[in-house]
Amino acid sequence: MRNSLLIATNNAHKILEFKRLLNGINHEILTPASIGVNLDVEESGNTFEQNARLKAHAFAKATGIDSLADDSGIEVDALDGRPGVYSARYGGTNLSDEDRVQLLLRELVDVPTEKRTCRYRVMLVLARPDGSEILSEGKCEGSIAHKPIGLNGFGYDPIFLVDNSQVSMAELSPEQKDLISHRGMATKKMIQLLQSEGGI
């Protein structure tokens, strides 16, 4: 399909963010559900880049459509970078986002405020059916709160304090989050890369 871009994820929260971030580009934005594709790609890589590449190429091969995938997570310095690539399944696949937030807080219960530094990191891969690809990455520095704050966002947003502030990512409006988030930065770079090659 010409002038179509598939958001290669089944995560409803990520789909909403990508639709906002990609709004206005000269492509029809598709989702797996909108084209009747049911594909669950195992994230067997050891890095964000490897996992994003696995997902993007799997969807591009299965659909014949340019496919944009991400892999992202939170890296906590006091935990030597954990959960990292395992952020979405930290503590086991049966846990909810709220369960994972509480698990992380328990692991940091004795860690003082000044040592709770962390970052969100993301790698985006746009894969084409011919096997070519474009990569972009983004990160957002912050620290871990002592308790959840705010009702917006998803994942670890309620305990991710935006760098040099006491405001959590979950307290921001979607538009505010898009301006500073790791995924917002990486998507902006991806759009610029596509524009530079005349592909958007």
C-alpha atoms as a PDB file:
ATOM      1  CA  MET A   1       0.000   0.000   0.000  1.00  0.00           C
ATOM      2  CA  ARG A   2       1.385   3.352  -1.054  1.00  0.00           C
ATOM      3  CA  ASN A   3       1.307   6.255   1.404  1.00  0.00           C
ATOM      4  CA  SER A   4       0.332   4.018   4.285  1.00  0.00           C
ATOM      5  CA  LEU A   5       2.153   3.547   7.569  1.00  0.00           C
ATOM      6  CA  LEU A   6       1.346   0.738   9.971  1.00  0.00           C
ATOM      7  CA  ILE A   7       1.832   1.283  13.697  1.00  0.00           C
ATOM      8  CA  ALA A   8       3.343  -2.092  14.505  1.00  0.00           C
ATOM      9  CA  THR A   9       2.011  -2.661  17.996  1.00  0.00           C
ATOM     10  CA  ASN A  10      -1.035  -4.101  19.726  1.00  0.00           C
ATOM     11  CA  ASN A  11      -0.552  -1.764  22.709  1.00  0.00           C
ATOM     12  CA  ALA A  12      -3.570   0.562  22.730  1.00  0.00           C
ATOM     13  CA  HIS A  13      -1.732   3.247  24.740  1.00  0.00           C
ATOM     14  CA  LYS A  14       1.165   3.362  22.265  1.00  0.00           C
ATOM     15  CA  ILE A  15      -1.227   3.463  19.316  1.00  0.00           C
ATOM     16  CA  LEU A  16      -2.942   6.547  20.774  1.00  0.00           C
ATOM     17  CA  GLU A  17       0.401   8.280  21.312  1.00  0.00           C
ATOM     18  CA  PHE A  18       1.678   7.474  17.827  1.00  0.00           C
ATOM     19  CA  LYS A  19      -1.561   8.677  16.229  1.00  0.00           C
ATOM     20  CA  ARG A  20      -1.125  12.018  17.976  1.00  0.00           C
ATOM     21  CA  LEU A  21       2.569  12.248  17.161  1.00  0.00           C
ATOM     22  CA  LEU A  22       2.105  11.324  13.497  1.00  0.00           C
ATOM     23  CA  ASN A  23      -0.918  13.540  12.965  1.00  0.00           C
ATOM     24  CA  GLY A  24      -0.473  15.670   9.863  1.00  0.00           C
ATOM     25  CA  ILE A  25       2.007  13.521   7.949  1.00  0.00           C
ATOM     26  CA  ASN A  26       1.140  12.596   4.380  1.00  0.00           C
ATOM     27  CA  HIS A  27       0.358   8.960   5.156  1.00  0.00           C
ATOM     28  CA  GLU A  28      -2.701   6.972   6.078  1.00  0.00           C
ATOM     29  CA  ILE A  29      -2.023   5.728   9.607  1.00  0.00           C
ATOM     30  CA  LEU A  30      -3.027   2.099  10.013  1.00  0.00           C
ATOM     31  CA  THR A  31      -3.147  -0.224  13.012  1.00  0.00           C
ATOM     32  CA  PRO A  32      -3.091  -4.034  13.103  1.00  0.00           C
ATOM     33  CA  ALA A  33      -6.765  -4.045  14.134  1.00  0.00           C
ATOM     34  CA  SER A  34      -7.784  -1.672  11.329  1.00  0.00           C
ATOM     35  CA  ILE A  35      -6.440  -4.057   8.659  1.00  0.00           C
ATOM     36  CA  GLY A  36      -7.376  -7.301  10.412  1.00  0.00           C
ATOM     37  CA  VAL A  37      -3.851  -8.406  11.284  1.00  0.00           C
ATOM     38  CA  ASN A  38      -3.304 -10.469  14.422  1.00  0.00           C
ATOM     39  CA  LEU A  39       0.445 -10.753  14.939  1.00  0.00           C
ATOM     40  CA  ASP A  40       2.227 -11.167  18.262  1.00  0.00           C
ATOM     41  CA  VAL A  41       6.002 -10.894  17.883  1.00  0.00           C
ATOM     42  CA  GLU A  42       8.204 -12.345  20.613  1.00  0.00           C
ATOM     43  CA  GLU A  43      10.563  -9.711  22.031  1.00  0.00           C
ATOM     44  CA  SER A  44      13.592 -11.983  22.226  1.00  0.00           C
ATOM     45  CA  GLY A  45      16.229  -9.274  21.761  1.00  0.00           C
ATOM     46  CA  ASN A  46      18.621  -8.023  24.420  1.00  0.00           C
ATOM     47  CA  THR A  47      18.357  -4.349  23.427  1.00  0.00           C
ATOM     48  CA  PHE A  48      15.591  -1.899  22.560  1.00  0.00           C
ATOM     49  CA  GLU A  49      16.941  -1.744  19.010  1.00  0.00           C
ATOM     50  CA  GLN A  50      16.843  -5.514  18.533  1.00  0.00           C
ATOM     51  CA  ASN A  51      13.269  -5.793  19.787  1.00  0.00           C
ATOM     52  CA  ALA A  52      12.012  -2.834  17.733  1.00  0.00           C
ATOM     53  CA  ARG A  53      13.671  -4.286  14.646  1.00  0.00           C
ATOM     54  CA  LEU A  54      12.088  -7.707  15.229  1.00  0.00           C
ATOM     55  CA  LYS A  55       8.611  -6.203  15.479  1.00  0.00           C
ATOM     56  CA  ALA A  56       8.913  -3.734  12.593  1.00  0.00           C
ATOM     57  CA  HIS A  57      10.258  -6.257  10.096  1.00  0.00           C
ATOM     58  CA  ALA A  58       7.757  -8.940  11.135  1.00  0.00           C
ATOM     59  CA  PHE A  59       4.818  -6.604  10.496  1.00  0.00           C
ATOM     60  CA  ALA A  60       6.289  -5.257   7.242  1.00  0.00           C
ATOM     61  CA  LYS A  61       6.842  -8.795   5.956  1.00  0.00           C
ATOM     62  CA  ALA A  62       3.379  -9.977   7.005  1.00  0.00           C
ATOM     63  CA  THR A  63       1.479  -6.989   5.570  1.00  0.00           C
ATOM     64  CA  GLY A  64       3.571  -5.543   2.765  1.00  0.00           C
ATOM     65  CA  ILE A  65       3.181  -2.123   4.417  1.00  0.00           C
ATOM     66  CA  ASP A  66       5.825   0.211   5.845  1.00  0.00           C
ATOM     67  CA  SER A  67       5.721  -0.581   9.561  1.00  0.00           C
ATOM     68  CA  LEU A  68       6.800   1.534  12.531  1.00  0.00           C
ATOM     69  CA  ALA A  69       7.661  -0.282  15.769  1.00  0.00           C
ATOM     70  CA  ASP A  70       9.170   0.833  19.021  1.00  0.00           C
ATOM     71  CA  ASP A  71      10.732  -0.780  22.016  1.00  0.00           C
ATOM     72  CA  SER A  72      11.041   1.277  25.122  1.00  0.00           C
ATOM     73  CA  GLY A  73      11.509   1.115  28.854  1.00  0.00           C
ATOM     74  CA  ILE A  74      12.694   2.749  32.010  1.00  0.00           C
ATOM     75  CA  GLU A  75      16.274   2.518  33.253  1.00  0.00           C
ATOM     76  CA  VAL A  76      16.790   3.100  36.982  1.00  0.00           C
ATOM     77  CA  ASP A  77      20.372   3.923  37.976  1.00  0.00           C
ATOM     78  CA  ALA A  78      20.050   2.534  41.517  1.00  0.00           C
ATOM     79  CA  LEU A  79      18.994  -0.801  39.981  1.00  0.00           C
ATOM     80  CA  ASP A  80      21.929  -0.877  37.531  1.00  0.00           C
ATOM     81  CA  GLY A  81      19.655   0.057  34.643  1.00  0.00           C
ATOM     82  CA  ARG A  82      16.787  -2.309  35.403  1.00  0.00           C
ATOM     83  CA  PRO A  83      14.038  -2.914  34.304  1.00  0.00           C
ATOM     84  CA  GLY A  84      15.342  -1.712  30.906  1.00  0.00           C
ATOM     85  CA  VAL A  85      14.220  -3.918  28.007  1.00  0.00           C
ATOM     86  CA  TYR A  86      12.114  -5.957  30.439  1.00  0.00           C
ATOM     87  CA  SER A  87      10.051  -2.958  31.613  1.00  0.00           C
ATOM     88  CA  ALA A  88       6.757  -4.142  30.077  1.00  0.00           C
ATOM     89  CA  ARG A  89       7.077  -7.605  31.627  1.00  0.00           C
ATOM     90  CA  TYR A  90       8.997  -6.772  34.797  1.00  0.00           C
ATOM     91  CA  GLY A  91       8.083  -9.160  37.589  1.00  0.00           C
ATOM     92  CA  GLY A  92       6.255 -11.474  35.195  1.00  0.00           C
ATOM     93  CA  THR A  93       3.754 -11.215  32.378  1.00  0.00           C
ATOM     94  CA  ASN A  94       0.809 -11.621  34.773  1.00  0.00           C
ATOM     95  CA  LEU A  95       1.404  -8.242  36.463  1.00  0.00           C
ATOM     96  CA  SER A  96      -0.526  -5.076  35.610  1.00  0.00           C
ATOM     97  CA  ASP A  97       1.076  -1.654  35.075  1.00  0.00           C
ATOM     98  CA  GLU A  98       0.079  -0.761  38.642  1.00  0.00           C
ATOM     99  CA  ASP A  99       1.652  -3.973  39.967  1.00  0.00           C
ATOM    100  CA  ARG A 100       4.930  -3.173  38.211  1.00  0.00           C
ATOM    101  CA  VAL A 101       4.914   0.363  39.592  1.00  0.00           C
ATOM    102  CA  GLN A 102       4.489  -1.007  43.118  1.00  0.00           C
ATOM    103  CA  LEU A 103       7.245  -3.586  42.547  1.00  0.00           C
ATOM    104  CA  LEU A 104       9.657  -0.869  41.471  1.00  0.00           C
ATOM    105  CA  LEU A 105       8.742   1.297  44.454  1.00  0.00           C
ATOM    106  CA  ARG A 106       9.367  -1.624  46.826  1.00  0.00           C
ATOM    107  CA  GLU A 107      12.784  -2.188  45.297  1.00  0.00           C
ATOM    108  CA  LEU A 108      13.646   1.473  45.863  1.00  0.00           C
ATOM    109  CA  VAL A 109      12.093   1.851  49.318  1.00  0.00           C
ATOM    110  CA  ASP A 110      15.436   2.576  51.031  1.00  0.00           C
ATOM    111  CA  VAL A 111      16.936   4.629  48.175  1.00  0.00           C
ATOM    112  CA  PRO A 112      17.097   8.381  48.961  1.00  0.00           C
ATOM    113  CA  THR A 113      15.578  10.955  46.628  1.00  0.00           C
ATOM    114  CA  GLU A 114      18.895  12.134  45.186  1.00  0.00           C
ATOM    115  CA  LYS A 115      19.824   8.615  44.097  1.00  0.00           C
ATOM    116  CA  ARG A 116      16.532   7.773  42.360  1.00  0.00           C
ATOM    117  CA  THR A 117      17.636   9.022  38.927  1.00  0.00           C
ATOM    118  CA  CYS A 118      16.294   7.271  35.854  1.00  0.00           C
ATOM    119  CA  ARG A 119      15.409   7.736  32.226  1.00  0.00           C
ATOM    120  CA  TYR A 120      12.884   6.595  29.687  1.00  0.00           C
ATOM    121  CA  ARG A 121      14.545   5.293  26.539  1.00  0.00           C
ATOM    122  CA  VAL A 122      13.039   4.298  23.191  1.00  0.00           C
ATOM    123  CA  MET A 123      14.215   2.998  19.838  1.00  0.00           C
ATOM    124  CA  LEU A 124      12.010   3.367  16.759  1.00  0.00           C
ATOM    125  CA  VAL A 125      12.441   1.261  13.647  1.00  0.00           C
ATOM    126  CA  LEU A 126      10.536   1.874  10.439  1.00  0.00           C
ATOM    127  CA  ALA A 127      10.841  -1.258   8.297  1.00  0.00           C
ATOM    128  CA  ARG A 128       9.839  -1.517   4.658  1.00  0.00           C
ATOM    129  CA  PRO A 129       8.721  -4.660   2.836  1.00  0.00           C
ATOM    130  CA  ASP A 130      11.967  -4.618   0.810  1.00  0.00           C
ATOM    131  CA  GLY A 131      13.944  -5.045   4.049  1.00  0.00           C
ATOM    132  CA  SER A 132      15.254  -1.485   4.309  1.00  0.00           C
ATOM    133  CA  GLU A 133      14.831   0.417   7.541  1.00  0.00           C
ATOM    134  CA  ILE A 134      15.149   3.770   9.286  1.00  0.00           C
ATOM    135  CA  LEU A 135      16.063   4.114  12.967  1.00  0.00           C
ATOM    136  CA  SER A 136      15.638   6.894  15.494  1.00  0.00           C
ATOM    137  CA  GLU A 137      15.940   7.011  19.255  1.00  0.00           C
ATOM    138  CA  GLY A 138      14.938   9.213  22.137  1.00  0.00           C
ATOM    139  CA  LYS A 139      15.380   9.509  25.866  1.00  0.00           C
ATOM    140  CA  CYS A 140      13.896  11.527  28.691  1.00  0.00           C
ATOM    141  CA  GLU A 141      15.755  12.021  31.970  1.00  0.00           C
ATOM    142  CA  GLY A 142      13.971  11.990  35.296  1.00  0.00           C
ATOM    143  CA  SER A 143      13.756  10.401  38.726  1.00  0.00           C
ATOM    144  CA  ILE A 144      11.522   7.949  40.555  1.00  0.00           C
ATOM    145  CA  ALA A 145       8.892   9.405  42.893  1.00  0.00           C
ATOM    146  CA  HIS A 146       8.233   7.859  46.305  1.00  0.00           C
ATOM    147  CA  LYS A 147       4.593   7.217  45.402  1.00  0.00           C
ATOM    148  CA  PRO A 148       2.380   7.335  42.286  1.00  0.00           C
ATOM    149  CA  ILE A 149       1.176  10.799  41.257  1.00  0.00           C
ATOM    150  CA  GLY A 150      -1.300  11.674  38.497  1.00  0.00           C
ATOM    151  CA  LEU A 151      -3.847   9.798  36.427  1.00  0.00           C
ATOM    152  CA  ASN A 152      -2.685  10.273  32.821  1.00  0.00           C
ATOM    153  CA  GLY A 153      -0.281   8.258  30.715  1.00  0.00           C
ATOM    154  CA  PHE A 154       0.516   4.595  31.244  1.00  0.00           C
ATOM    155  CA  GLY A 155       3.273   2.258  32.362  1.00  0.00           C
ATOM    156  CA  TYR A 156       5.624   3.895  34.847  1.00  0.00           C
ATOM    157  CA  ASP A 157       4.363   7.454  34.147  1.00  0.00           C
ATOM    158  CA  PRO A 158       2.829   7.910  37.658  1.00  0.00           C
ATOM    159  CA  ILE A 159       6.265   7.509  39.310  1.00  0.00           C
ATOM    160  CA  PHE A 160       8.409   9.133  36.596  1.00  0.00           C
ATOM    161  CA  LEU A 161       9.230  12.660  37.756  1.00  0.00           C
ATOM    162  CA  VAL A 162      10.202  14.842  34.820  1.00  0.00           C
ATOM    163  CA  ASP A 163      13.826  16.010  35.095  1.00  0.00           C
ATOM    164  CA  ASN A 164      14.397  18.853  37.586  1.00  0.00           C
ATOM    165  CA  SER A 165      10.770  18.946  38.692  1.00  0.00           C
ATOM    166  CA  GLN A 166       8.320  17.299  41.059  1.00  0.00           C
ATOM    167  CA  VAL A 167       5.801  16.793  38.267  1.00  0.00           C
ATOM    168  CA  SER A 168       5.154  13.232  37.162  1.00  0.00           C
ATOM    169  CA  MET A 169       4.648  12.236  33.547  1.00  0.00           C
ATOM    170  CA  ALA A 170       1.134  11.150  34.562  1.00  0.00           C
ATOM    171  CA  GLU A 171       0.277  14.726  35.606  1.00  0.00           C
ATOM    172  CA  LEU A 172       0.978  16.111  32.139  1.00  0.00           C
ATOM    173  CA  SER A 173      -1.630  16.518  29.427  1.00  0.00           C
ATOM    174  CA  PRO A 174      -1.079  14.317  26.363  1.00  0.00           C
ATOM    175  CA  GLU A 175       0.133  17.378  24.436  1.00  0.00           C
ATOM    176  CA  GLN A 176       2.612  18.338  27.172  1.00  0.00           C
ATOM    177  CA  LYS A 177       3.901  14.778  27.359  1.00  0.00           C
ATOM    178  CA  ASP A 178       4.413  14.583  23.592  1.00  0.00           C
ATOM    179  CA  LEU A 179       6.708  17.629  23.704  1.00  0.00           C
ATOM    180  CA  ILE A 180       9.185  16.140  26.167  1.00  0.00           C
ATOM    181  CA  SER A 181       8.745  12.375  26.131  1.00  0.00           C
ATOM    182  CA  HIS A 182      11.243   9.898  24.759  1.00  0.00           C
ATOM    183  CA  ARG A 183       8.678   8.661  22.227  1.00  0.00           C
ATOM    184  CA  GLY A 184       7.807  12.209  21.203  1.00  0.00           C
ATOM    185  CA  MET A 185      11.460  13.066  20.551  1.00  0.00           C
ATOM    186  CA  ALA A 186      12.141   9.854  18.632  1.00  0.00           C
ATOM    187  CA  THR A 187       9.020  10.246  16.480  1.00  0.00           C
ATOM    188  CA  LYS A 188       9.950  13.848  15.624  1.00  0.00           C
ATOM    189  CA  LYS A 189      13.383  12.629  14.503  1.00  0.00           C
ATOM    190  CA  MET A 190      11.787   9.843  12.458  1.00  0.00           C
ATOM    191  CA  ILE A 191       9.509  12.313  10.661  1.00  0.00           C
ATOM    192  CA  GLN A 192      12.528  14.522   9.886  1.00  0.00           C
ATOM    193  CA  LEU A 193      14.438  11.536   8.487  1.00  0.00           C
ATOM    194  CA  LEU A 194      11.498  10.593   6.277  1.00  0.00           C
ATOM    195  CA  GLN A 195      11.111  14.171   5.095  1.00  0.00           C
ATOM    196  CA  SER A 196      14.792  14.374   4.180  1.00  0.00           C
ATOM    197  CA  GLU A 197      14.469  11.400   1.833  1.00  0.00           C
ATOM    198  CA  GLY A 198      11.185  12.608   0.404  1.00  0.00           C
ATOM    199  CA  GLY A 199       9.281   9.713   1.883  1.00  0.00           C
ATOM    200  CA  ILE A 200       6.675  11.710   3.721  1.00  0.00           C
END
